[in-house]
Every structure is written in structure tokens, then in C-alpha cells.
Amino acid sequence: MSRIRAAYYDPDGTKYGIPTYWWRGAPPGYATRRQLRAAGLRPGGQPIAAQILWRGVGGTRTAYLYRLDLARPKRTATPAQLRAIDAALTARRTCRVCGTVRPYCIPRSLGECVDCAYPEGASA
């Protein structure tokens, strides 16, 4: 075991307060939030069970781990929530000046679509 790995190995949690492992050194049964999401799960209110520490850009990096046996299935959006999201995204793509629904989000810095903001560039 290298010195760097040994510095981040604390399975009892005496040094860091919670069980700590090095990069790719966590035992099976733990997962990060991204790994849970990829598996269709969520932490479900459980506390952080362990952490991974590694040396990265800007200092020591941390990834928190959750227990897989306590994870719950990911919640799905209701039809009303999906309609609300669709309406909000459509509003972000609708120009306030010409009323056209664009295939891109209207830049907030302009407040209108690019064709309305720069009419001389649209015809060229």
C-alpha cells in the first residue's frame, strides 16, 4: 500500500469520523449518488455511510458513499410535473418580441431571440 493510499485508509472511522477509503478502495455494498442514480436508486434519507478521499486538483477531493441495502427506488415525475416542466422549457424558447418558439433557449442577456436582437445579421 502506497503512502497516499495509507493516508486515506481509515475503515474504522477513528481519524476522519466516518469510514474512509482511497480511490477505488471501497468495499462492495457502497455507492456514490451518481452510481445510485445510474442504478435507478436514491439515498432515501439515509446518512452518509462512508467516504472516499483522494488527491486531486486543488487539494484533497471527497466522494460520499451510501449503503446500497438502504437505498430506495428513484421517484418518477407525475404527469402534472412533466407538463409543468414542458411549459417552462417552452417559455424559455419563446421570443417575447416576435413570439416564435425557437429550437434553442433565448439568451437572458438579450431578452429576445438572436434574429430579433441582430436583424441585420439574420438576412446575411
Protein backbone atom coordinates (compact mmCIF):
# COMPACT_ATOMS: atom_id res chain seq x y z
CA MET A 1 0.00 0.00 0.00
CA SER A 2 1.43 3.36 -1.02
CA ARG A 3 1.77 6.25 1.42
CA ILE A 4 -1.03 8.17 -0.28
CA ARG A 5 -3.42 5.25 -0.06
CA ALA A 6 -2.41 4.58 3.55
CA ALA A 7 -3.14 8.21 4.48
CA TYR A 8 -6.73 7.84 3.27
CA TYR A 9 -7.41 4.35 4.67
CA ASP A 10 -9.49 4.52 7.83
CA PRO A 11 -12.16 1.77 7.76
CA ASP A 12 -12.99 2.24 11.45
CA GLY A 13 -13.55 5.99 11.19
CA THR A 14 -11.15 6.87 14.03
CA LYS A 15 -9.22 9.52 12.06
CA TYR A 16 -11.95 11.10 9.89
CA GLY A 17 -15.11 10.32 11.92
CA ILE A 18 -16.65 8.03 9.29
CA PRO A 19 -15.16 5.04 7.46
CA THR A 20 -12.75 6.35 4.84
CA TYR A 21 -11.26 4.58 1.84
CA TRP A 22 -8.93 5.51 -1.00
CA TRP A 23 -9.93 5.88 -4.64
CA ARG A 24 -11.45 2.61 -5.89
CA GLY A 25 -10.83 1.04 -2.49
CA ALA A 26 -14.34 0.97 -1.04
CA PRO A 27 -15.81 -2.45 -0.23
CA PRO A 28 -18.88 -3.72 -2.07
CA GLY A 29 -22.23 -2.53 -0.80
CA TYR A 30 -21.46 1.20 -1.03
CA ALA A 31 -22.18 3.61 -3.87
CA THR A 32 -21.95 7.31 -4.63
CA ARG A 33 -25.01 9.39 -5.56
CA ARG A 34 -24.14 9.10 -9.25
CA GLN A 35 -23.78 5.35 -9.01
CA LEU A 36 -27.11 5.13 -7.21
CA ARG A 37 -28.79 7.25 -9.88
CA ALA A 38 -27.31 5.08 -12.65
CA ALA A 39 -28.83 2.05 -10.91
CA GLY A 40 -32.23 3.74 -10.62
CA LEU A 41 -31.87 4.36 -6.87
CA ARG A 42 -31.63 7.30 -4.47
CA PRO A 43 -30.19 7.61 -0.93
CA GLY A 44 -33.68 7.87 0.55
CA GLY A 45 -32.80 9.94 3.62
CA GLN A 46 -30.06 7.69 4.93
CA PRO A 47 -26.96 9.33 6.44
CA ILE A 48 -23.58 9.23 4.73
CA ALA A 49 -22.14 5.79 5.47
CA ALA A 50 -18.53 6.27 4.32
CA GLN A 51 -16.34 8.45 2.15
CA ILE A 52 -13.59 8.19 -0.42
CA LEU A 53 -10.64 10.59 -0.29
CA TRP A 54 -8.06 11.18 -3.00
CA ARG A 55 -5.55 13.79 -4.03
CA GLY A 56 -6.88 15.93 -6.83
CA VAL A 57 -6.56 19.33 -8.41
CA GLY A 58 -6.68 21.93 -5.67
CA GLY A 59 -6.20 19.52 -2.77
CA THR A 60 -7.97 16.56 -1.28
CA ARG A 61 -11.19 15.52 -3.00
CA THR A 62 -14.10 13.74 -1.32
CA ALA A 63 -16.89 11.47 -2.52
CA TYR A 64 -19.56 10.38 -0.07
CA LEU A 65 -20.83 6.81 -0.08
CA TYR A 66 -24.26 5.44 0.77
CA ARG A 67 -25.32 1.90 1.62
CA LEU A 68 -26.95 0.03 -1.24
CA ASP A 69 -29.19 -2.04 1.04
CA LEU A 70 -30.82 1.14 2.43
CA ALA A 71 -31.24 2.87 -0.95
CA ARG A 72 -34.74 3.39 -2.30
CA PRO A 73 -36.07 3.39 -5.86
CA LYS A 74 -35.80 6.69 -7.72
CA ARG A 75 -39.04 8.67 -7.77
CA THR A 76 -40.66 9.41 -11.11
CA ALA A 77 -42.30 12.69 -12.03
CA THR A 78 -46.08 12.85 -12.14
CA PRO A 79 -47.82 13.78 -15.41
CA ALA A 80 -48.62 17.22 -13.97
CA GLN A 81 -44.95 17.80 -13.12
CA LEU A 82 -43.91 16.74 -16.62
CA ARG A 83 -46.43 19.16 -18.14
CA ALA A 84 -45.12 21.98 -15.93
CA ILE A 85 -41.52 21.27 -16.96
CA ASP A 86 -42.54 21.19 -20.64
CA ALA A 87 -44.35 24.52 -20.28
CA ALA A 88 -41.36 26.12 -18.53
CA LEU A 89 -38.92 24.92 -21.20
CA THR A 90 -41.22 26.13 -23.98
CA ALA A 91 -41.41 29.55 -22.30
CA ARG A 92 -37.60 29.72 -22.26
CA ARG A 93 -37.56 29.08 -26.02
CA THR A 94 -40.30 31.58 -26.92
CA CYS A 95 -39.19 35.05 -28.06
CA ARG A 96 -41.01 37.92 -26.30
CA VAL A 97 -40.70 40.18 -29.34
CA CYS A 98 -41.78 38.04 -32.29
CA GLY A 99 -43.47 35.18 -30.37
CA THR A 100 -41.61 32.48 -32.31
CA VAL A 101 -40.69 29.27 -30.47
CA ARG A 102 -37.01 28.74 -31.23
CA PRO A 103 -35.09 25.42 -31.11
CA TYR A 104 -32.74 26.99 -28.52
CA CYS A 105 -33.18 28.76 -25.19
CA ILE A 106 -33.43 32.53 -25.59
CA PRO A 107 -30.30 34.17 -24.11
CA ARG A 108 -31.21 36.07 -20.95
CA SER A 109 -28.59 38.66 -21.80
CA LEU A 110 -30.56 39.57 -24.95
CA GLY A 111 -34.11 39.02 -23.73
CA GLU A 112 -35.15 38.13 -27.28
CA CYS A 113 -34.16 35.69 -30.00
CA VAL A 114 -30.97 36.26 -31.96
CA ASP A 115 -32.91 37.19 -35.12
CA CYS A 116 -34.75 39.98 -33.29
CA ALA A 117 -31.65 41.16 -31.44
CA TYR A 118 -29.49 41.34 -34.60
CA PRO A 119 -31.85 41.87 -37.56
CA GLU A 120 -29.03 42.95 -39.90
CA GLY A 121 -27.19 39.63 -39.34
CA ALA A 122 -30.27 37.47 -39.93
CA SER A 123 -30.59 38.31 -43.64
CA ALA A 124 -26.88 37.87 -44.46
